[in-house]
């Protein structure tokens, strides 16, 4: 029978403690800054331009 290295795998309690610690750290971390949406701006959108009427020979 081979002896197992106690450092080879963490115990269930160590795994659960690690998960709890990570969750706790995530809850305490500040919220990330919002992503800049380049489709929004503070300037008003330009007025729509009416399409030109086709010339007599075009259609």
N, C-alpha and C. Protein backbone atom coordinates (compact mmCIF):
# COMPACT_ATOMS: atom_id res chain seq x y z
N UNK A 1 0.84 -1.17 0.00
CA UNK A 1 0.00 0.00 0.00
C UNK A 1 0.89 1.24 0.00
N UNK A 2 0.67 2.13 -0.94
CA UNK A 2 1.50 3.33 -1.06
C UNK A 2 0.97 4.42 -0.15
N UNK A 3 1.89 5.18 0.43
CA UNK A 3 1.51 6.32 1.27
C UNK A 3 1.16 7.51 0.39
N UNK A 4 0.11 8.21 0.75
CA UNK A 4 -0.28 9.39 -0.01
C UNK A 4 0.35 10.62 0.59
N UNK A 5 0.78 11.52 -0.25
CA UNK A 5 1.36 12.79 0.19
C UNK A 5 0.22 13.69 0.66
N UNK A 6 0.22 14.13 1.91
CA UNK A 6 -0.89 14.96 2.41
C UNK A 6 -0.97 16.31 1.69
N UNK A 7 0.09 16.75 1.05
CA UNK A 7 0.09 18.03 0.33
C UNK A 7 -0.39 17.86 -1.11
N UNK A 8 -0.64 16.65 -1.54
CA UNK A 8 -0.99 16.40 -2.94
C UNK A 8 -2.33 17.03 -3.31
N UNK A 9 -3.35 16.88 -2.50
CA UNK A 9 -4.66 17.43 -2.80
C UNK A 9 -5.22 18.11 -1.56
N UNK A 10 -5.86 19.27 -1.73
CA UNK A 10 -6.46 19.95 -0.57
C UNK A 10 -7.69 19.19 -0.08
N UNK A 11 -7.97 19.35 1.19
CA UNK A 11 -9.14 18.70 1.76
C UNK A 11 -10.41 19.45 1.33
N UNK A 12 -11.55 18.83 1.52
CA UNK A 12 -12.83 19.46 1.17
C UNK A 12 -13.00 20.76 1.95
N UNK A 13 -12.58 20.77 3.23
CA UNK A 13 -12.71 21.97 4.04
C UNK A 13 -11.84 23.10 3.48
N UNK A 14 -10.64 22.77 3.00
CA UNK A 14 -9.76 23.79 2.42
C UNK A 14 -10.34 24.34 1.12
N UNK A 15 -10.92 23.48 0.33
CA UNK A 15 -11.55 23.93 -0.92
C UNK A 15 -12.71 24.86 -0.63
N UNK A 16 -13.56 24.49 0.30
CA UNK A 16 -14.71 25.34 0.65
C UNK A 16 -14.26 26.67 1.24
N UNK A 17 -13.22 26.64 2.08
CA UNK A 17 -12.70 27.88 2.67
C UNK A 17 -12.16 28.79 1.58
N UNK A 18 -11.50 28.21 0.58
CA UNK A 18 -10.96 29.00 -0.52
C UNK A 18 -12.09 29.64 -1.33
N UNK A 19 -13.14 28.89 -1.58
CA UNK A 19 -14.29 29.42 -2.32
C UNK A 19 -14.95 30.55 -1.54
N UNK A 20 -15.12 30.36 -0.24
CA UNK A 20 -15.74 31.41 0.60
C UNK A 20 -14.88 32.67 0.59
N UNK A 21 -13.56 32.51 0.65
CA UNK A 21 -12.66 33.66 0.66
C UNK A 21 -12.75 34.42 -0.67
N UNK A 22 -12.81 33.72 -1.78
CA UNK A 22 -12.91 34.37 -3.09
C UNK A 22 -14.23 35.12 -3.22
N UNK A 23 -15.32 34.51 -2.78
CA UNK A 23 -16.63 35.16 -2.84
C UNK A 23 -16.63 36.41 -1.97
N UNK A 24 -16.06 36.31 -0.79
CA UNK A 24 -15.99 37.45 0.12
C UNK A 24 -15.19 38.59 -0.49
N UNK A 25 -14.07 38.27 -1.14
CA UNK A 25 -13.25 39.30 -1.77
C UNK A 25 -14.00 39.97 -2.91
N UNK A 26 -14.77 39.20 -3.68
CA UNK A 26 -15.53 39.78 -4.80
C UNK A 26 -16.62 40.70 -4.30
N UNK A 27 -17.26 40.36 -3.18
CA UNK A 27 -18.32 41.20 -2.64
C UNK A 27 -17.77 42.51 -2.12
N UNK A 28 -16.53 42.53 -1.63
CA UNK A 28 -15.94 43.73 -1.06
C UNK A 28 -15.27 44.61 -2.11
N UNK A 29 -15.01 44.07 -3.29
CA UNK A 29 -14.34 44.82 -4.34
C UNK A 29 -15.26 45.92 -4.86
N UNK A 30 -14.69 47.09 -5.18
CA UNK A 30 -15.53 48.15 -5.74
C UNK A 30 -16.04 47.75 -7.11
N UNK A 31 -17.19 48.28 -7.45
CA UNK A 31 -17.79 47.97 -8.75
C UNK A 31 -16.91 48.56 -9.85
N UNK A 32 -16.74 47.85 -10.94
CA UNK A 32 -15.93 48.39 -12.04
C UNK A 32 -16.61 49.60 -12.66
N UNK A 33 -15.80 50.47 -13.24
CA UNK A 33 -16.36 51.65 -13.88
C UNK A 33 -17.13 51.21 -15.12
N UNK A 34 -18.20 51.93 -15.45
CA UNK A 34 -18.99 51.55 -16.62
C UNK A 34 -18.16 51.68 -17.90
N UNK A 35 -18.49 50.88 -18.86
CA UNK A 35 -17.81 50.90 -20.15
C UNK A 35 -18.32 52.09 -20.94
N UNK A 36 -17.40 52.80 -21.58
CA UNK A 36 -17.76 53.95 -22.39
C UNK A 36 -18.48 53.48 -23.64
N UNK A 37 -19.68 53.96 -23.83
CA UNK A 37 -20.46 53.61 -25.02
C UNK A 37 -20.25 54.72 -26.04
N UNK A 38 -19.52 54.42 -27.10
CA UNK A 38 -19.19 55.44 -28.08
C UNK A 38 -20.36 55.82 -28.97
N UNK A 39 -21.49 55.12 -28.85
CA UNK A 39 -22.65 55.49 -29.66
C UNK A 39 -23.46 56.60 -28.99
N UNK A 40 -23.15 56.92 -27.77
CA UNK A 40 -23.84 57.99 -27.06
C UNK A 40 -22.94 59.20 -26.99
N UNK A 41 -23.53 60.39 -27.08
CA UNK A 41 -22.74 61.61 -26.93
C UNK A 41 -23.63 62.69 -26.31
N UNK A 42 -22.98 63.73 -25.84
CA UNK A 42 -23.71 64.84 -25.23
C UNK A 42 -24.20 65.83 -26.29
N UNK A 43 -23.66 65.75 -27.50
CA UNK A 43 -24.07 66.68 -28.55
C UNK A 43 -25.32 66.14 -29.24
N UNK A 44 -26.21 67.03 -29.64
CA UNK A 44 -27.44 66.57 -30.31
C UNK A 44 -27.11 65.99 -31.69
N UNK A 45 -27.93 65.08 -32.13
CA UNK A 45 -27.74 64.47 -33.44
C UNK A 45 -28.05 65.50 -34.52
N UNK A 46 -27.35 65.44 -35.63
CA UNK A 46 -27.64 66.41 -36.71
C UNK A 46 -29.02 66.15 -37.29
N UNK A 47 -29.61 67.20 -37.83
CA UNK A 47 -30.95 67.08 -38.44
C UNK A 47 -30.85 66.20 -39.67
N UNK A 48 -31.85 65.37 -39.93
CA UNK A 48 -31.81 64.51 -41.12
C UNK A 48 -31.85 65.35 -42.39
N UNK A 49 -31.17 64.88 -43.41
CA UNK A 49 -31.13 65.57 -44.69
C UNK A 49 -32.10 64.88 -45.64
N UNK A 50 -32.95 65.66 -46.28
CA UNK A 50 -33.92 65.09 -47.21
C UNK A 50 -33.19 64.61 -48.45
N UNK A 51 -33.62 63.49 -49.00
CA UNK A 51 -33.00 62.95 -50.22
C UNK A 51 -33.37 63.84 -51.39
N UNK A 52 -32.44 64.03 -52.28
CA UNK A 52 -32.69 64.87 -53.47
C UNK A 52 -33.59 64.10 -54.43
N UNK A 53 -34.45 64.82 -55.09
CA UNK A 53 -35.34 64.20 -56.08
C UNK A 53 -34.51 63.78 -57.27
N UNK A 54 -34.77 62.61 -57.86
CA UNK A 54 -33.99 62.18 -59.03
C UNK A 54 -34.21 63.10 -60.23
N UNK A 55 -33.19 63.23 -61.03
CA UNK A 55 -33.30 64.06 -62.25
C UNK A 55 -34.27 63.39 -63.22
N UNK A 56 -34.67 64.10 -64.24
CA UNK A 56 -35.67 63.59 -65.18
C UNK A 56 -35.25 62.28 -65.82
N UNK A 57 -33.98 62.11 -66.17
CA UNK A 57 -33.53 60.90 -66.86
C UNK A 57 -33.23 59.75 -65.92
N UNK A 58 -33.19 59.96 -64.63
CA UNK A 58 -32.84 58.92 -63.67
C UNK A 58 -34.08 58.35 -63.02
N UNK A 59 -34.21 57.07 -62.92
CA UNK A 59 -35.26 56.39 -62.18
C UNK A 59 -35.05 54.95 -62.23
